[in-house]
Amino acid sequence: MIVFVEVKARENNRFAEPEDFVSKAKQKLLALAAGEYIHLMNHQNEVRFDIITILFNKFGDPVIRHTEDAFWP
């Protein structure tokens, strides 16, 4: 299995959660890049798209969240 990961970091979630900034357009670009890589590597197994978010709490400490199978373009 190949896992393609998009990482988003934000100082706060005042406007939206970090994963909300992975737009449909961004997902499409990631899928195109992944497709090219899969083709070049002749990959025949499963593929997954994950999102890792980093949000800083009020003390400045990072809170990391990993969402598996976050989207399928």
PDB file of N, CA and C in Angstrom:
ATOM      1  N   MET A   1       0.843  -1.177   0.000  1.00  0.00           N
ATOM      2  CA  MET A   1       0.000   0.000   0.000  1.00  0.00           C
ATOM      3  C   MET A   1       0.891   1.243   0.000  1.00  0.00           C
ATOM      4  N   ILE A   2       0.481   2.220  -0.797  1.00  0.00           N
ATOM      5  CA  ILE A   2       1.128   3.530  -0.774  1.00  0.00           C
ATOM      6  C   ILE A   2       0.140   4.508  -0.139  1.00  0.00           C
ATOM      7  N   VAL A   3       0.643   5.296   0.801  1.00  0.00           N
ATOM      8  CA  VAL A   3      -0.178   6.312   1.449  1.00  0.00           C
ATOM      9  C   VAL A   3       0.363   7.682   1.065  1.00  0.00           C
ATOM     10  N   PHE A   4      -0.481   8.487   0.452  1.00  0.00           N
ATOM     11  CA  PHE A   4      -0.141   9.869   0.137  1.00  0.00           C
ATOM     12  C   PHE A   4      -0.736  10.731   1.248  1.00  0.00           C
ATOM     13  N   VAL A   5       0.083  11.633   1.783  1.00  0.00           N
ATOM     14  CA  VAL A   5      -0.333  12.402   2.954  1.00  0.00           C
ATOM     15  C   VAL A   5      -0.230  13.898   2.677  1.00  0.00           C
ATOM     16  N   GLU A   6      -1.297  14.604   2.995  1.00  0.00           N
ATOM     17  CA  GLU A   6      -1.289  16.065   2.972  1.00  0.00           C
ATOM     18  C   GLU A   6      -1.216  16.531   4.422  1.00  0.00           C
ATOM     19  N   VAL A   7      -0.299  17.448   4.705  1.00  0.00           N
ATOM     20  CA  VAL A   7      -0.123  17.961   6.065  1.00  0.00           C
ATOM     21  C   VAL A   7      -0.546  19.426   6.095  1.00  0.00           C
ATOM     22  N   LYS A   8      -1.395  19.755   7.060  1.00  0.00           N
ATOM     23  CA  LYS A   8      -1.857  21.133   7.236  1.00  0.00           C
ATOM     24  C   LYS A   8      -1.627  21.543   8.682  1.00  0.00           C
ATOM     25  N   ALA A   9      -1.041  22.722   8.872  1.00  0.00           N
ATOM     26  CA  ALA A   9      -0.811  23.256  10.216  1.00  0.00           C
ATOM     27  C   ALA A   9      -1.458  24.630  10.327  1.00  0.00           C
ATOM     28  N   ARG A  10      -2.030  24.888  11.487  1.00  0.00           N
ATOM     29  CA  ARG A  10      -2.661  26.178  11.755  1.00  0.00           C
ATOM     30  C   ARG A  10      -2.388  26.573  13.202  1.00  0.00           C
ATOM     31  N   GLU A  11      -2.316  27.876  13.426  1.00  0.00           N
ATOM     32  CA  GLU A  11      -2.123  28.376  14.786  1.00  0.00           C
ATOM     33  C   GLU A  11      -3.391  28.209  15.621  1.00  0.00           C
ATOM     34  N   ASN A  12      -4.542  28.291  14.971  1.00  0.00           N
ATOM     35  CA  ASN A  12      -5.810  28.110  15.674  1.00  0.00           C
ATOM     36  C   ASN A  12      -6.862  27.667  14.662  1.00  0.00           C
ATOM     37  N   ASN A  13      -8.012  27.298  15.177  1.00  0.00           N
ATOM     38  CA  ASN A  13      -9.098  26.864  14.286  1.00  0.00           C
ATOM     39  C   ASN A  13     -10.243  27.879  14.294  1.00  0.00           C
ATOM     40  N   ARG A  14      -9.895  29.143  14.437  1.00  0.00           N
ATOM     41  CA  ARG A  14     -10.885  30.219  14.490  1.00  0.00           C
ATOM     42  C   ARG A  14     -11.763  30.232  13.237  1.00  0.00           C
ATOM     43  N   PHE A  15     -11.160  30.025  12.076  1.00  0.00           N
ATOM     44  CA  PHE A  15     -11.911  30.102  10.819  1.00  0.00           C
ATOM     45  C   PHE A  15     -12.423  28.744  10.359  1.00  0.00           C
ATOM     46  N   ALA A  16     -11.651  27.708  10.605  1.00  0.00           N
ATOM     47  CA  ALA A  16     -12.038  26.351  10.209  1.00  0.00           C
ATOM     48  C   ALA A  16     -10.992  25.384  10.743  1.00  0.00           C
ATOM     49  N   GLU A  17     -11.329  24.120  10.694  1.00  0.00           N
ATOM     50  CA  GLU A  17     -10.362  23.094  11.073  1.00  0.00           C
ATOM     51  C   GLU A  17      -9.295  23.000   9.983  1.00  0.00           C
ATOM     52  N   PRO A  18      -8.074  22.635  10.327  1.00  0.00           N
ATOM     53  CA  PRO A  18      -7.000  22.585   9.318  1.00  0.00           C
ATOM     54  C   PRO A  18      -7.339  21.710   8.110  1.00  0.00           C
ATOM     55  N   GLU A  19      -7.999  20.577   8.349  1.00  0.00           N
ATOM     56  CA  GLU A  19      -8.315  19.678   7.230  1.00  0.00           C
ATOM     57  C   GLU A  19      -9.319  20.294   6.258  1.00  0.00           C
ATOM     58  N   ASP A  20     -10.071  21.292   6.714  1.00  0.00           N
ATOM     59  CA  ASP A  20     -11.018  21.969   5.825  1.00  0.00           C
ATOM     60  C   ASP A  20     -10.311  22.768   4.732  1.00  0.00           C
ATOM     61  N   PHE A  21      -9.018  22.995   4.903  1.00  0.00           N
ATOM     62  CA  PHE A  21      -8.246  23.741   3.912  1.00  0.00           C
ATOM     63  C   PHE A  21      -7.688  22.840   2.806  1.00  0.00           C
ATOM     64  N   VAL A  22      -8.016  21.546   2.851  1.00  0.00           N
ATOM     65  CA  VAL A  22      -7.669  20.643   1.752  1.00  0.00           C
ATOM     66  C   VAL A  22      -8.879  20.637   0.816  1.00  0.00           C
ATOM     67  N   SER A  23      -8.889  21.579  -0.093  1.00  0.00           N
ATOM     68  CA  SER A  23     -10.034  21.782  -0.987  1.00  0.00           C
ATOM     69  C   SER A  23     -10.149  20.662  -2.019  1.00  0.00           C
ATOM     70  N   LYS A  24     -11.282  20.634  -2.699  1.00  0.00           N
ATOM     71  CA  LYS A  24     -11.478  19.666  -3.790  1.00  0.00           C
ATOM     72  C   LYS A  24     -10.423  19.864  -4.873  1.00  0.00           C
ATOM     73  N   ALA A  25     -10.055  21.109  -5.137  1.00  0.00           N
ATOM     74  CA  ALA A  25      -9.016  21.386  -6.137  1.00  0.00           C
ATOM     75  C   ALA A  25      -7.675  20.815  -5.685  1.00  0.00           C
ATOM     76  N   LYS A  26      -7.353  20.965  -4.406  1.00  0.00           N
ATOM     77  CA  LYS A  26      -6.103  20.421  -3.870  1.00  0.00           C
ATOM     78  C   LYS A  26      -6.128  18.900  -3.931  1.00  0.00           C
ATOM     79  N   GLN A  27      -7.262  18.304  -3.606  1.00  0.00           N
ATOM     80  CA  GLN A  27      -7.400  16.853  -3.681  1.00  0.00           C
ATOM     81  C   GLN A  27      -7.172  16.365  -5.109  1.00  0.00           C
ATOM     82  N   LYS A  28      -7.695  17.105  -6.069  1.00  0.00           N
ATOM     83  CA  LYS A  28      -7.524  16.736  -7.478  1.00  0.00           C
ATOM     84  C   LYS A  28      -6.053  16.794  -7.873  1.00  0.00           C
ATOM     85  N   LEU A  29      -5.348  17.846  -7.446  1.00  0.00           N
ATOM     86  CA  LEU A  29      -3.913  17.954  -7.740  1.00  0.00           C
ATOM     87  C   LEU A  29      -3.122  16.819  -7.096  1.00  0.00           C
ATOM     88  N   LEU A  30      -3.471  16.485  -5.862  1.00  0.00           N
ATOM     89  CA  LEU A  30      -2.803  15.372  -5.185  1.00  0.00           C
ATOM     90  C   LEU A  30      -3.049  14.058  -5.924  1.00  0.00           C
ATOM     91  N   ALA A  31      -4.284  13.869  -6.380  1.00  0.00           N
ATOM     92  CA  ALA A  31      -4.623  12.649  -7.115  1.00  0.00           C
ATOM     93  C   ALA A  31      -3.859  12.566  -8.432  1.00  0.00           C
ATOM     94  N   LEU A  32      -3.718  13.684  -9.128  1.00  0.00           N
ATOM     95  CA  LEU A  32      -2.960  13.691 -10.385  1.00  0.00           C
ATOM     96  C   LEU A  32      -1.494  13.344 -10.142  1.00  0.00           C
ATOM     97  N   ALA A  33      -0.913  13.941  -9.113  1.00  0.00           N
ATOM     98  CA  ALA A  33       0.485  13.647  -8.777  1.00  0.00           C
ATOM     99  C   ALA A  33       0.638  12.189  -8.351  1.00  0.00           C
ATOM    100  N   ALA A  34      -0.300  11.709  -7.550  1.00  0.00           N
ATOM    101  CA  ALA A  34      -0.258  10.318  -7.105  1.00  0.00           C
ATOM    102  C   ALA A  34      -0.389   9.368  -8.293  1.00  0.00           C
ATOM    103  N   GLY A  35      -1.298   9.684  -9.199  1.00  0.00           N
ATOM    104  CA  GLY A  35      -1.479   8.848 -10.384  1.00  0.00           C
ATOM    105  C   GLY A  35      -0.222   8.757 -11.225  1.00  0.00           C
ATOM    106  N   GLU A  36       0.462   9.872 -11.373  1.00  0.00           N
ATOM    107  CA  GLU A  36       1.715   9.876 -12.134  1.00  0.00           C
ATOM    108  C   GLU A  36       2.771   9.023 -11.438  1.00  0.00           C
ATOM    109  N   TYR A  37       2.873   9.167 -10.125  1.00  0.00           N
ATOM    110  CA  TYR A  37       3.847   8.382  -9.360  1.00  0.00           C
ATOM    111  C   TYR A  37       3.534   6.885  -9.459  1.00  0.00           C
ATOM    112  N   ILE A  38       2.254   6.543  -9.297  1.00  0.00           N
ATOM    113  CA  ILE A  38       1.832   5.142  -9.384  1.00  0.00           C
ATOM    114  C   ILE A  38       2.172   4.567 -10.753  1.00  0.00           C
ATOM    115  N   HIS A  39       1.941   5.350 -11.785  1.00  0.00           N
ATOM    116  CA  HIS A  39       2.252   4.913 -13.148  1.00  0.00           C
ATOM    117  C   HIS A  39       3.757   4.701 -13.325  1.00  0.00           C
ATOM    118  N   LEU A  40       4.547   5.679 -12.887  1.00  0.00           N
ATOM    119  CA  LEU A  40       6.004   5.577 -13.043  1.00  0.00           C
ATOM    120  C   LEU A  40       6.591   4.406 -12.272  1.00  0.00           C
ATOM    121  N   MET A  41       6.038   4.126 -11.106  1.00  0.00           N
ATOM    122  CA  MET A  41       6.543   3.046 -10.257  1.00  0.00           C
ATOM    123  C   MET A  41       5.883   1.704 -10.569  1.00  0.00           C
ATOM    124  N   ASN A  42       4.916   1.719 -11.487  1.00  0.00           N
ATOM    125  CA  ASN A  42       4.166   0.514 -11.839  1.00  0.00           C
ATOM    126  C   ASN A  42       3.566  -0.139 -10.591  1.00  0.00           C
ATOM    127  N   HIS A  43       3.009   0.685  -9.733  1.00  0.00           N
ATOM    128  CA  HIS A  43       2.430   0.222  -8.470  1.00  0.00           C
ATOM    129  C   HIS A  43       1.097  -0.464  -8.747  1.00  0.00           C
ATOM    130  N   GLN A  44       0.921  -1.666  -8.229  1.00  0.00           N
ATOM    131  CA  GLN A  44      -0.285  -2.450  -8.499  1.00  0.00           C
ATOM    132  C   GLN A  44      -1.142  -2.680  -7.255  1.00  0.00           C
ATOM    133  N   ASN A  45      -0.736  -2.134  -6.126  1.00  0.00           N
ATOM    134  CA  ASN A  45      -1.445  -2.390  -4.869  1.00  0.00           C
ATOM    135  C   ASN A  45      -2.336  -1.216  -4.478  1.00  0.00           C
ATOM    136  N   GLU A  46      -2.828  -1.269  -3.255  1.00  0.00           N
ATOM    137  CA  GLU A  46      -3.757  -0.255  -2.770  1.00  0.00           C
ATOM    138  C   GLU A  46      -3.097   1.112  -2.612  1.00  0.00           C
ATOM    139  N   VAL A  47      -3.948   2.127  -2.660  1.00  0.00           N
ATOM    140  CA  VAL A  47      -3.522   3.518  -2.481  1.00  0.00           C
ATOM    141  C   VAL A  47      -4.487   4.155  -1.484  1.00  0.00           C
ATOM    142  N   ARG A  48      -3.944   5.017  -0.642  1.00  0.00           N
ATOM    143  CA  ARG A  48      -4.773   5.708   0.343  1.00  0.00           C
ATOM    144  C   ARG A  48      -4.334   7.161   0.427  1.00  0.00           C
ATOM    145  N   PHE A  49      -5.296   8.049   0.693  1.00  0.00           N
ATOM    146  CA  PHE A  49      -5.014   9.474   0.877  1.00  0.00           C
ATOM    147  C   PHE A  49      -5.372   9.858   2.313  1.00  0.00           C
ATOM    148  N   ASP A  50      -4.369  10.299   3.071  1.00  0.00           N
ATOM    149  CA  ASP A  50      -4.552  10.693   4.468  1.00  0.00           C
ATOM    150  C   ASP A  50      -4.303  12.186   4.622  1.00  0.00           C
ATOM    151  N   ILE A  51      -4.782  12.723   5.731  1.00  0.00           N
ATOM    152  CA  ILE A  51      -4.483  14.104   6.106  1.00  0.00           C
ATOM    153  C   ILE A  51      -3.943  14.096   7.530  1.00  0.00           C
ATOM    154  N   ILE A  52      -2.840  14.782   7.730  1.00  0.00           N
ATOM    155  CA  ILE A  52      -2.306  15.006   9.072  1.00  0.00           C
ATOM    156  C   ILE A  52      -2.451  16.491   9.357  1.00  0.00           C
ATOM    157  N   THR A  53      -3.078  16.801  10.498  1.00  0.00           N
ATOM    158  CA  THR A  53      -3.250  18.198  10.873  1.00  0.00           C
ATOM    159  C   THR A  53      -2.473  18.489  12.150  1.00  0.00           C
ATOM    160  N   ILE A  54      -1.965  19.694  12.211  1.00  0.00           N
ATOM    161  CA  ILE A  54      -1.262  20.172  13.396  1.00  0.00           C
ATOM    162  C   ILE A  54      -1.932  21.474  13.806  1.00  0.00           C
ATOM    163  N   LEU A  55      -2.480  21.471  14.991  1.00  0.00           N
ATOM    164  CA  LEU A  55      -3.163  22.642  15.527  1.00  0.00           C
ATOM    165  C   LEU A  55      -2.516  22.964  16.869  1.00  0.00           C
ATOM    166  N   PHE A  56      -2.155  24.200  17.063  1.00  0.00           N
ATOM    167  CA  PHE A  56      -1.469  24.583  18.296  1.00  0.00           C
ATOM    168  C   PHE A  56      -2.482  25.007  19.355  1.00  0.00           C
ATOM    169  N   ASN A  57      -2.353  24.428  20.558  1.00  0.00           N
ATOM    170  CA  ASN A  57      -3.274  24.782  21.640  1.00  0.00           C
ATOM    171  C   ASN A  57      -2.888  26.127  22.251  1.00  0.00           C
ATOM    172  N   LYS A  58      -3.612  26.544  23.270  1.00  0.00           N
ATOM    173  CA  LYS A  58      -3.399  27.876  23.850  1.00  0.00           C
ATOM    174  C   LYS A  58      -2.032  28.031  24.513  1.00  0.00           C
ATOM    175  N   PHE A  59      -1.349  26.905  24.759  1.00  0.00           N
ATOM    176  CA  PHE A  59      -0.009  26.950  25.346  1.00  0.00           C
ATOM    177  C   PHE A  59       1.083  26.897  24.280  1.00  0.00           C
ATOM    178  N   GLY A  60       0.665  26.804  23.021  1.00  0.00           N
ATOM    179  CA  GLY A  60       1.622  26.727  21.923  1.00  0.00           C
ATOM    180  C   GLY A  60       2.102  25.325  21.619  1.00  0.00           C
ATOM    181  N   ASP A  61       1.502  24.335  22.285  1.00  0.00           N
ATOM    182  CA  ASP A  61       1.881  22.943  22.049  1.00  0.00           C
ATOM    183  C   ASP A  61       1.128  22.396  20.839  1.00  0.00           C
ATOM    184  N   PRO A  62       1.800  21.617  20.003  1.00  0.00           N
ATOM    185  CA  PRO A  62       1.118  21.064  18.831  1.00  0.00           C
ATOM    186  C   PRO A  62       0.208  19.897  19.207  1.00  0.00           C
ATOM    187  N   VAL A  63      -0.967  19.899  18.611  1.00  0.00           N
ATOM    188  CA  VAL A  63      -1.896  18.779  18.728  1.00  0.00           C
ATOM    189  C   VAL A  63      -1.988  18.182  17.333  1.00  0.00           C
ATOM    190  N   ILE A  64      -1.527  16.941  17.204  1.00  0.00           N
ATOM    191  CA  ILE A  64      -1.434  16.297  15.891  1.00  0.00           C
ATOM    192  C   ILE A  64      -2.566  15.286  15.740  1.00  0.00           C
ATOM    193  N   ARG A  65      -3.232  15.354  14.591  1.00  0.00           N
ATOM    194  CA  ARG A  65      -4.330  14.432  14.295  1.00  0.00           C
ATOM    195  C   ARG A  65      -4.076  13.808  12.924  1.00  0.00           C
ATOM    196  N   HIS A  66      -4.217  12.493  12.853  1.00  0.00           N
ATOM    197  CA  HIS A  66      -4.001  11.750  11.608  1.00  0.00           C
ATOM    198  C   HIS A  66      -5.333  11.131  11.194  1.00  0.00           C
ATOM    199  N   THR A  67      -5.825  11.527  10.028  1.00  0.00           N
ATOM    200  CA  THR A  67      -7.072  10.986   9.494  1.00  0.00           C
ATOM    201  C   THR A  67      -6.745  10.081   8.316  1.00  0.00           C
ATOM    202  N   GLU A  68      -6.963   8.787   8.502  1.00  0.00           N
ATOM    203  CA  GLU A  68      -6.738   7.830   7.420  1.00  0.00           C
ATOM    204  C   GLU A  68      -7.931   7.842   6.468  1.00  0.00           C
ATOM    205  N   ASP A  69      -7.667   7.544   5.199  1.00  0.00           N
ATOM    206  CA  ASP A  69      -8.729   7.545   4.177  1.00  0.00           C
ATOM    207  C   ASP A  69      -9.535   8.841   4.236  1.00  0.00           C
ATOM    208  N   ALA A  70      -8.843   9.951   4.314  1.00  0.00           N
ATOM    209  CA  ALA A  70      -9.494  11.251   4.472  1.00  0.00           C
ATOM    210  C   ALA A  70     -10.327  11.629   3.254  1.00  0.00           C
ATOM    211  N   PHE A  71      -9.879  11.205   2.092  1.00  0.00           N
ATOM    212  CA  PHE A  71     -10.636  11.494   0.868  1.00  0.00           C
ATOM    213  C   PHE A  71     -10.231  10.509  -0.210  1.00  0.00           C
ATOM    214  N   TRP A  72     -11.092  10.401  -1.195  1.00  0.00           N
ATOM    215  CA  TRP A  72     -10.795   9.603  -2.383  1.00  0.00           C
ATOM    216  C   TRP A  72     -11.189  10.446  -3.583  1.00  0.00           C
ATOM    217  N   PRO A  73     -10.195  10.905  -4.333  1.00  0.00           N
ATOM    218  CA  PRO A  73     -10.482  11.833  -5.441  1.00  0.00           C
ATOM    219  C   PRO A  73     -11.249  11.191  -6.595  1.00  0.00           C
TER     220      PRO A  73
END
